[in-house]
């Protein structure tokens, strides 16, 4: 077993150690049939990576296309028919 990489069998047998290493040393990779299957990360890292900053308006305001002169045209067609 290399540092940070576990087989499924090793991860099952040493789950507590796997969790501890993810919290202390960083992400731990679990392989299945020789291929990366999942990565275990600490709750703190997960929160940090998935936290969103700002809102949708701020996202669009920070777009590199803002003020670029890009013009989007819309068709004047009515709603399309849907078969039920």
PDB file of N, CA and C in Angstrom:
ATOM      1  N   UNK A   1       0.851  -1.191   0.000  1.00  0.00           N
ATOM      2  CA  UNK A   1       0.000   0.000   0.000  1.00  0.00           C
ATOM      3  C   UNK A   1       0.884   1.237   0.000  1.00  0.00           C
ATOM      4  N   UNK A   2       0.748   2.115  -0.996  1.00  0.00           N
ATOM      5  CA  UNK A   2       1.501   3.366  -0.993  1.00  0.00           C
ATOM      6  C   UNK A   2       0.753   4.386  -0.136  1.00  0.00           C
ATOM      7  N   UNK A   3       1.447   5.440   0.231  1.00  0.00           N
ATOM      8  CA  UNK A   3       0.836   6.451   1.089  1.00  0.00           C
ATOM      9  C   UNK A   3      -0.369   7.066   0.390  1.00  0.00           C
ATOM     10  N   UNK A   4      -1.520   7.030   1.058  1.00  0.00           N
ATOM     11  CA  UNK A   4      -2.720   7.657   0.531  1.00  0.00           C
ATOM     12  C   UNK A   4      -3.486   6.824  -0.467  1.00  0.00           C
ATOM     13  N   UNK A   5      -3.034   5.617  -0.764  1.00  0.00           N
ATOM     14  CA  UNK A   5      -3.747   4.752  -1.708  1.00  0.00           C
ATOM     15  C   UNK A   5      -4.045   3.421  -1.029  1.00  0.00           C
ATOM     16  N   UNK A   6      -5.292   3.016  -1.096  1.00  0.00           N
ATOM     17  CA  UNK A   6      -5.762   1.797  -0.439  1.00  0.00           C
ATOM     18  C   UNK A   6      -6.564   0.968  -1.427  1.00  0.00           C
ATOM     19  N   UNK A   7      -6.487  -0.353  -1.300  1.00  0.00           N
ATOM     20  CA  UNK A   7      -7.418  -1.208  -2.035  1.00  0.00           C
ATOM     21  C   UNK A   7      -8.714  -1.241  -1.236  1.00  0.00           C
ATOM     22  N   UNK A   8      -9.780  -1.704  -1.846  1.00  0.00           N
ATOM     23  CA  UNK A   8     -11.050  -1.810  -1.129  1.00  0.00           C
ATOM     24  C   UNK A   8     -10.893  -2.715   0.094  1.00  0.00           C
ATOM     25  N   UNK A   9     -10.197  -3.830  -0.075  1.00  0.00           N
ATOM     26  CA  UNK A   9     -10.011  -4.768   1.038  1.00  0.00           C
ATOM     27  C   UNK A   9      -9.241  -4.105   2.183  1.00  0.00           C
ATOM     28  N   UNK A  10      -8.178  -3.350   1.859  1.00  0.00           N
ATOM     29  CA  UNK A  10      -7.406  -2.660   2.895  1.00  0.00           C
ATOM     30  C   UNK A  10      -8.255  -1.603   3.591  1.00  0.00           C
ATOM     31  N   UNK A  11      -9.039  -0.877   2.814  1.00  0.00           N
ATOM     32  CA  UNK A  11      -9.890   0.176   3.379  1.00  0.00           C
ATOM     33  C   UNK A  11     -10.933  -0.413   4.325  1.00  0.00           C
ATOM     34  N   UNK A  12     -11.500  -1.553   3.960  1.00  0.00           N
ATOM     35  CA  UNK A  12     -12.485  -2.207   4.826  1.00  0.00           C
ATOM     36  C   UNK A  12     -11.838  -2.707   6.109  1.00  0.00           C
ATOM     37  N   UNK A  13     -10.654  -3.289   5.986  1.00  0.00           N
ATOM     38  CA  UNK A  13      -9.981  -3.867   7.145  1.00  0.00           C
ATOM     39  C   UNK A  13      -9.442  -2.806   8.100  1.00  0.00           C
ATOM     40  N   UNK A  14      -9.086  -1.634   7.549  1.00  0.00           N
ATOM     41  CA  UNK A  14      -8.460  -0.592   8.366  1.00  0.00           C
ATOM     42  C   UNK A  14      -9.218   0.729   8.239  1.00  0.00           C
ATOM     43  N   UNK A  15     -10.536   0.643   8.324  1.00  0.00           N
ATOM     44  CA  UNK A  15     -11.365   1.818   8.084  1.00  0.00           C
ATOM     45  C   UNK A  15     -11.048   2.971   9.042  1.00  0.00           C
ATOM     46  N   UNK A  16     -10.871   2.683  10.313  1.00  0.00           N
ATOM     47  CA  UNK A  16     -10.559   3.738  11.289  1.00  0.00           C
ATOM     48  C   UNK A  16      -9.253   4.440  10.930  1.00  0.00           C
ATOM     49  N   UNK A  17      -8.255   3.670  10.514  1.00  0.00           N
ATOM     50  CA  UNK A  17      -6.981   4.263  10.114  1.00  0.00           C
ATOM     51  C   UNK A  17      -7.155   5.115   8.856  1.00  0.00           C
ATOM     52  N   UNK A  18      -7.947   4.623   7.925  1.00  0.00           N
ATOM     53  CA  UNK A  18      -8.234   5.371   6.699  1.00  0.00           C
ATOM     54  C   UNK A  18      -8.854   6.723   7.037  1.00  0.00           C
ATOM     55  N   UNK A  19      -9.836   6.732   7.925  1.00  0.00           N
ATOM     56  CA  UNK A  19     -10.493   7.975   8.330  1.00  0.00           C
ATOM     57  C   UNK A  19      -9.495   8.913   9.006  1.00  0.00           C
ATOM     58  N   UNK A  20      -8.695   8.375   9.923  1.00  0.00           N
ATOM     59  CA  UNK A  20      -7.698   9.202  10.613  1.00  0.00           C
ATOM     60  C   UNK A  20      -6.714   9.821   9.631  1.00  0.00           C
ATOM     61  N   UNK A  21      -6.251   9.049   8.668  1.00  0.00           N
ATOM     62  CA  UNK A  21      -5.285   9.582   7.691  1.00  0.00           C
ATOM     63  C   UNK A  21      -5.913  10.642   6.804  1.00  0.00           C
ATOM     64  N   UNK A  22      -7.185  10.450   6.457  1.00  0.00           N
ATOM     65  CA  UNK A  22      -7.871  11.456   5.642  1.00  0.00           C
ATOM     66  C   UNK A  22      -7.966  12.774   6.408  1.00  0.00           C
ATOM     67  N   UNK A  23      -8.195  12.693   7.711  1.00  0.00           N
ATOM     68  CA  UNK A  23      -8.302  13.906   8.530  1.00  0.00           C
ATOM     69  C   UNK A  23      -6.953  14.574   8.742  1.00  0.00           C
ATOM     70  N   UNK A  24      -5.879  13.788   8.894  1.00  0.00           N
ATOM     71  CA  UNK A  24      -4.568  14.330   9.237  1.00  0.00           C
ATOM     72  C   UNK A  24      -3.700  14.586   8.007  1.00  0.00           C
ATOM     73  N   UNK A  25      -3.663  13.632   7.092  1.00  0.00           N
ATOM     74  CA  UNK A  25      -2.718  13.695   5.966  1.00  0.00           C
ATOM     75  C   UNK A  25      -3.331  14.162   4.656  1.00  0.00           C
ATOM     76  N   UNK A  26      -4.649  14.226   4.569  1.00  0.00           N
ATOM     77  CA  UNK A  26      -5.279  14.663   3.325  1.00  0.00           C
ATOM     78  C   UNK A  26      -6.013  13.530   2.634  1.00  0.00           C
ATOM     79  N   UNK A  27      -6.493  13.787   1.417  1.00  0.00           N
ATOM     80  CA  UNK A  27      -7.315  12.823   0.690  1.00  0.00           C
ATOM     81  C   UNK A  27      -6.655  11.446   0.569  1.00  0.00           C
ATOM     82  N   UNK A  28      -7.477  10.407   0.703  1.00  0.00           N
ATOM     83  CA  UNK A  28      -7.034   9.019   0.593  1.00  0.00           C
ATOM     84  C   UNK A  28      -7.789   8.382  -0.573  1.00  0.00           C
ATOM     85  N   UNK A  29      -7.053   7.777  -1.476  1.00  0.00           N
ATOM     86  CA  UNK A  29      -7.630   7.154  -2.664  1.00  0.00           C
ATOM     87  C   UNK A  29      -7.882   5.675  -2.411  1.00  0.00           C
ATOM     88  N   UNK A  30      -9.055   5.204  -2.817  1.00  0.00           N
ATOM     89  CA  UNK A  30      -9.385   3.775  -2.721  1.00  0.00           C
ATOM     90  C   UNK A  30      -9.524   3.249  -4.142  1.00  0.00           C
ATOM     91  N   UNK A  31      -8.821   2.149  -4.408  1.00  0.00           N
ATOM     92  CA  UNK A  31      -8.856   1.551  -5.745  1.00  0.00           C
ATOM     93  C   UNK A  31      -9.664   0.263  -5.736  1.00  0.00           C
ATOM     94  N   UNK A  32     -10.238  -0.030  -6.881  1.00  0.00           N
ATOM     95  CA  UNK A  32     -10.979  -1.284  -7.070  1.00  0.00           C
ATOM     96  C   UNK A  32     -10.567  -1.838  -8.416  1.00  0.00           C
ATOM     97  N   UNK A  33     -10.122  -3.078  -8.425  1.00  0.00           N
ATOM     98  CA  UNK A  33      -9.652  -3.724  -9.653  1.00  0.00           C
ATOM     99  C   UNK A  33      -8.538  -2.916 -10.319  1.00  0.00           C
ATOM    100  N   UNK A  34      -7.697  -2.273  -9.497  1.00  0.00           N
ATOM    101  CA  UNK A  34      -6.557  -1.541 -10.013  1.00  0.00           C
ATOM    102  C   UNK A  34      -6.847  -0.142 -10.518  1.00  0.00           C
ATOM    103  N   UNK A  35      -8.097   0.298 -10.416  1.00  0.00           N
ATOM    104  CA  UNK A  35      -8.483   1.622 -10.897  1.00  0.00           C
ATOM    105  C   UNK A  35      -9.020   2.457  -9.738  1.00  0.00           C
ATOM    106  N   UNK A  36      -8.764   3.754  -9.772  1.00  0.00           N
ATOM    107  CA  UNK A  36      -9.285   4.642  -8.739  1.00  0.00           C
ATOM    108  C   UNK A  36     -10.799   4.555  -8.718  1.00  0.00           C
ATOM    109  N   UNK A  37     -11.347   4.290  -7.522  1.00  0.00           N
ATOM    110  CA  UNK A  37     -12.796   4.166  -7.375  1.00  0.00           C
ATOM    111  C   UNK A  37     -13.382   5.372  -6.642  1.00  0.00           C
ATOM    112  N   UNK A  38     -12.790   5.725  -5.498  1.00  0.00           N
ATOM    113  CA  UNK A  38     -13.287   6.846  -4.706  1.00  0.00           C
ATOM    114  C   UNK A  38     -12.123   7.523  -3.993  1.00  0.00           C
ATOM    115  N   UNK A  39     -12.407   8.727  -3.495  1.00  0.00           N
ATOM    116  CA  UNK A  39     -11.444   9.449  -2.674  1.00  0.00           C
ATOM    117  C   UNK A  39     -12.138   9.836  -1.381  1.00  0.00           C
ATOM    118  N   UNK A  40     -11.503   9.548  -0.258  1.00  0.00           N
ATOM    119  CA  UNK A  40     -12.040   9.895   1.056  1.00  0.00           C
ATOM    120  C   UNK A  40     -11.343  11.169   1.517  1.00  0.00           C
ATOM    121  N   UNK A  41     -12.139  12.178   1.879  1.00  0.00           N
ATOM    122  CA  UNK A  41     -11.592  13.440   2.379  1.00  0.00           C
ATOM    123  C   UNK A  41     -12.224  13.771   3.722  1.00  0.00           C
ATOM    124  N   UNK A  42     -11.555  14.603   4.503  1.00  0.00           N
ATOM    125  CA  UNK A  42     -12.097  15.023   5.787  1.00  0.00           C
ATOM    126  C   UNK A  42     -13.321  15.905   5.565  1.00  0.00           C
ATOM    127  N   UNK A  43     -14.169  15.982   6.583  1.00  0.00           N
ATOM    128  CA  UNK A  43     -15.356  16.836   6.501  1.00  0.00           C
ATOM    129  C   UNK A  43     -14.953  18.292   6.324  1.00  0.00           C
ATOM    130  N   UNK A  44     -13.873  18.704   6.986  1.00  0.00           N
ATOM    131  CA  UNK A  44     -13.412  20.087   6.877  1.00  0.00           C
ATOM    132  C   UNK A  44     -13.004  20.412   5.441  1.00  0.00           C
ATOM    133  N   UNK A  45     -12.280  19.499   4.807  1.00  0.00           N
ATOM    134  CA  UNK A  45     -11.870  19.741   3.419  1.00  0.00           C
ATOM    135  C   UNK A  45     -13.070  19.741   2.489  1.00  0.00           C
ATOM    136  N   UNK A  46     -14.007  18.837   2.708  1.00  0.00           N
ATOM    137  CA  UNK A  46     -15.216  18.782   1.882  1.00  0.00           C
ATOM    138  C   UNK A  46     -15.972  20.104   1.969  1.00  0.00           C
ATOM    139  N   UNK A  47     -16.151  20.624   3.188  1.00  0.00           N
ATOM    140  CA  UNK A  47     -16.852  21.889   3.366  1.00  0.00           C
ATOM    141  C   UNK A  47     -16.112  23.022   2.656  1.00  0.00           C
ATOM    142  N   UNK A  48     -14.810  23.041   2.774  1.00  0.00           N
ATOM    143  CA  UNK A  48     -14.013  24.091   2.151  1.00  0.00           C
ATOM    144  C   UNK A  48     -14.128  24.044   0.624  1.00  0.00           C
ATOM    145  N   UNK A  49     -14.099  22.840   0.064  1.00  0.00           N
ATOM    146  CA  UNK A  49     -14.147  22.691  -1.397  1.00  0.00           C
ATOM    147  C   UNK A  49     -15.533  22.932  -1.976  1.00  0.00           C
ATOM    148  N   UNK A  50     -16.585  22.676  -1.197  1.00  0.00           N
ATOM    149  CA  UNK A  50     -17.941  22.779  -1.741  1.00  0.00           C
ATOM    150  C   UNK A  50     -18.651  24.060  -1.342  1.00  0.00           C
ATOM    151  N   UNK A  51     -18.036  24.887  -0.512  1.00  0.00           N
ATOM    152  CA  UNK A  51     -18.657  26.139  -0.081  1.00  0.00           C
ATOM    153  C   UNK A  51     -18.759  27.078  -1.272  1.00  0.00           C
ATOM    154  N   UNK A  52     -19.902  27.657  -1.428  1.00  0.00           N
ATOM    155  CA  UNK A  52     -20.112  28.615  -2.514  1.00  0.00           C
ATOM    156  C   UNK A  52     -20.017  30.021  -1.948  1.00  0.00           C
ATOM    157  N   UNK A  53     -19.368  30.859  -2.686  1.00  0.00           N
ATOM    158  CA  UNK A  53     -19.297  32.246  -2.266  1.00  0.00           C
ATOM    159  C   UNK A  53     -20.135  33.085  -3.216  1.00  0.00           C
ATOM    160  N   UNK A  54     -20.825  34.054  -2.686  1.00  0.00           N
ATOM    161  CA  UNK A  54     -21.615  34.951  -3.510  1.00  0.00           C
ATOM    162  C   UNK A  54     -22.925  34.334  -3.962  1.00  0.00           C
ATOM    163  N   UNK A  55     -23.618  35.080  -4.803  1.00  0.00           N
ATOM    164  CA  UNK A  55     -24.886  34.611  -5.330  1.00  0.00           C
ATOM    165  C   UNK A  55     -24.833  34.620  -6.864  1.00  0.00           C
ATOM    166  N   UNK A  56     -25.934  34.289  -7.485  1.00  0.00           N
ATOM    167  CA  UNK A  56     -25.965  34.171  -8.938  1.00  0.00           C
ATOM    168  C   UNK A  56     -25.670  35.507  -9.623  1.00  0.00           C
ATOM    169  N   UNK A  57     -26.173  36.595  -9.070  1.00  0.00           N
ATOM    170  CA  UNK A  57     -25.925  37.905  -9.667  1.00  0.00           C
ATOM    171  C   UNK A  57     -24.431  38.231  -9.644  1.00  0.00           C
ATOM    172  N   UNK A  58     -23.752  37.918  -8.534  1.00  0.00           N
ATOM    173  CA  UNK A  58     -22.316  38.168  -8.436  1.00  0.00           C
ATOM    174  C   UNK A  58     -21.550  37.289  -9.430  1.00  0.00           C
ATOM    175  N   UNK A  59     -22.004  36.052  -9.589  1.00  0.00           N
ATOM    176  CA  UNK A  59     -21.367  35.147 -10.538  1.00  0.00           C
ATOM    177  C   UNK A  59     -21.402  35.730 -11.945  1.00  0.00           C
ATOM    178  N   UNK A  60     -22.570  36.213 -12.363  1.00  0.00           N
ATOM    179  CA  UNK A  60     -22.685  36.779 -13.704  1.00  0.00           C
ATOM    180  C   UNK A  60     -21.915  38.094 -13.819  1.00  0.00           C
ATOM    181  N   UNK A  61     -21.902  38.894 -12.765  1.00  0.00           N
ATOM    182  CA  UNK A  61     -21.182  40.164 -12.795  1.00  0.00           C
ATOM    183  C   UNK A  61     -19.680  39.950 -12.933  1.00  0.00           C
ATOM    184  N   UNK A  62     -19.168  38.835 -12.412  1.00  0.00           N
ATOM    185  CA  UNK A  62     -17.741  38.540 -12.487  1.00  0.00           C
ATOM    186  C   UNK A  62     -17.352  37.785 -13.749  1.00  0.00           C
ATOM    187  N   UNK A  63     -18.305  37.529 -14.619  1.00  0.00           N
ATOM    188  CA  UNK A  63     -18.047  36.795 -15.847  1.00  0.00           C
ATOM    189  C   UNK A  63     -17.081  37.554 -16.741  1.00  0.00           C
ATOM    190  N   UNK A  64     -16.157  36.849 -17.400  1.00  0.00           N
ATOM    191  CA  UNK A  64     -15.263  37.525 -18.344  1.00  0.00           C
ATOM    192  C   UNK A  64     -16.009  38.066 -19.566  1.00  0.00           C
ATOM    193  N   UNK A  65     -17.245  37.641 -19.770  1.00  0.00           N
ATOM    194  CA  UNK A  65     -18.034  38.135 -20.903  1.00  0.00           C
ATOM    195  C   UNK A  65     -18.734  39.450 -20.579  1.00  0.00           C
ATOM    196  N   UNK A  66     -18.760  39.840 -19.293  1.00  0.00           N
ATOM    197  CA  UNK A  66     -19.416  41.082 -18.893  1.00  0.00           C
ATOM    198  C   UNK A  66     -18.727  42.254 -19.593  1.00  0.00           C
ATOM    199  N   UNK A  67     -19.494  43.045 -20.317  1.00  0.00           N
ATOM    200  CA  UNK A  67     -18.943  44.211 -20.998  1.00  0.00           C
ATOM    201  C   UNK A  67     -18.185  43.875 -22.275  1.00  0.00           C
ATOM    202  N   UNK A  68     -18.282  42.649 -22.747  1.00  0.00           N
ATOM    203  CA  UNK A  68     -17.534  42.249 -23.940  1.00  0.00           C
ATOM    204  C   UNK A  68     -18.238  42.640 -25.239  1.00  0.00           C
ATOM    205  N   UNK A  69     -19.482  43.084 -25.120  1.00  0.00           N
ATOM    206  CA  UNK A  69     -20.225  43.447 -26.319  1.00  0.00           C
ATOM    207  C   UNK A  69     -20.946  42.264 -26.947  1.00  0.00           C
ATOM    208  N   UNK A  70     -20.882  41.115 -26.318  1.00  0.00           N
ATOM    209  CA  UNK A  70     -21.568  39.935 -26.837  1.00  0.00           C
ATOM    210  C   UNK A  70     -23.063  40.192 -26.854  1.00  0.00           C
ATOM    211  N   UNK A  71     -23.669  39.966 -28.010  1.00  0.00           N
ATOM    212  CA  UNK A  71     -25.105  40.144 -28.133  1.00  0.00           C
ATOM    213  C   UNK A  71     -25.751  38.800 -28.443  1.00  0.00           C
ATOM    214  N   UNK A  72     -26.768  38.489 -27.691  1.00  0.00           N
ATOM    215  CA  UNK A  72     -27.487  37.234 -27.873  1.00  0.00           C
ATOM    216  C   UNK A  72     -28.874  37.567 -28.393  1.00  0.00           C
ATOM    217  N   UNK A  73     -29.217  36.993 -29.530  1.00  0.00           N
ATOM    218  CA  UNK A  73     -30.541  37.253 -30.084  1.00  0.00           C
ATOM    219  C   UNK A  73     -31.469  36.094 -29.747  1.00  0.00           C
ATOM    220  N   UNK A  74     -32.702  36.444 -29.544  1.00  0.00           N
ATOM    221  CA  UNK A  74     -33.707  35.422 -29.240  1.00  0.00           C
ATOM    222  C   UNK A  74     -34.734  35.414 -30.358  1.00  0.00           C
ATOM    223  N   UNK A  75     -35.224  34.239 -30.679  1.00  0.00           N
ATOM    224  CA  UNK A  75     -36.263  34.149 -31.705  1.00  0.00           C
ATOM    225  C   UNK A  75     -37.592  34.592 -31.108  1.00  0.00           C
ATOM    226  N   UNK A  76     -38.456  35.019 -31.943  1.00  0.00           N
ATOM    227  CA  UNK A  76     -39.784  35.489 -31.511  1.00  0.00           C
ATOM    228  C   UNK A  76     -40.814  34.368 -31.606  1.00  0.00           C
ATOM    229  N   UNK A  77     -40.357  33.137 -31.829  1.00  0.00           N
ATOM    230  CA  UNK A  77     -41.279  32.015 -31.932  1.00  0.00           C
ATOM    231  C   UNK A  77     -42.050  31.839 -30.641  1.00  0.00           C
ATOM    232  N   UNK A  78     -43.235  31.297 -30.759  1.00  0.00           N
ATOM    233  CA  UNK A  78     -44.039  31.008 -29.594  1.00  0.00           C
ATOM    234  C   UNK A  78     -43.575  29.695 -28.964  1.00  0.00           C
ATOM    235  N   UNK A  79     -44.281  29.249 -27.966  1.00  0.00           N
ATOM    236  CA  UNK A  79     -43.899  27.985 -27.321  1.00  0.00           C
ATOM    237  C   UNK A  79     -44.047  26.804 -28.283  1.00  0.00           C
ATOM    238  N   UNK A  80     -43.206  25.816 -28.123  1.00  0.00           N
ATOM    239  CA  UNK A  80     -43.296  24.657 -28.998  1.00  0.00           C
ATOM    240  C   UNK A  80     -44.411  23.733 -28.533  1.00  0.00           C
ATOM    241  N   UNK A  81     -44.908  22.918 -29.461  1.00  0.00           N
ATOM    242  CA  UNK A  81     -45.960  21.986 -29.119  1.00  0.00           C
ATOM    243  C   UNK A  81     -45.357  20.753 -28.488  1.00  0.00           C
ATOM    244  N   UNK A  82     -46.028  20.210 -27.512  1.00  0.00           N
ATOM    245  CA  UNK A  82     -45.572  19.026 -26.797  1.00  0.00           C
ATOM    246  C   UNK A  82     -46.653  17.973 -26.880  1.00  0.00           C
ATOM    247  N   UNK A  83     -46.276  16.767 -27.298  1.00  0.00           N
ATOM    248  CA  UNK A  83     -47.227  15.656 -27.342  1.00  0.00           C
ATOM    249  C   UNK A  83     -47.355  15.066 -25.941  1.00  0.00           C
ATOM    250  N   UNK A  84     -48.548  14.931 -25.452  1.00  0.00           N
ATOM    251  CA  UNK A  84     -48.770  14.320 -24.129  1.00  0.00           C
ATOM    252  C   UNK A  84     -49.267  12.920 -24.238  1.00  0.00           C
TER     253      UNK A  84
END
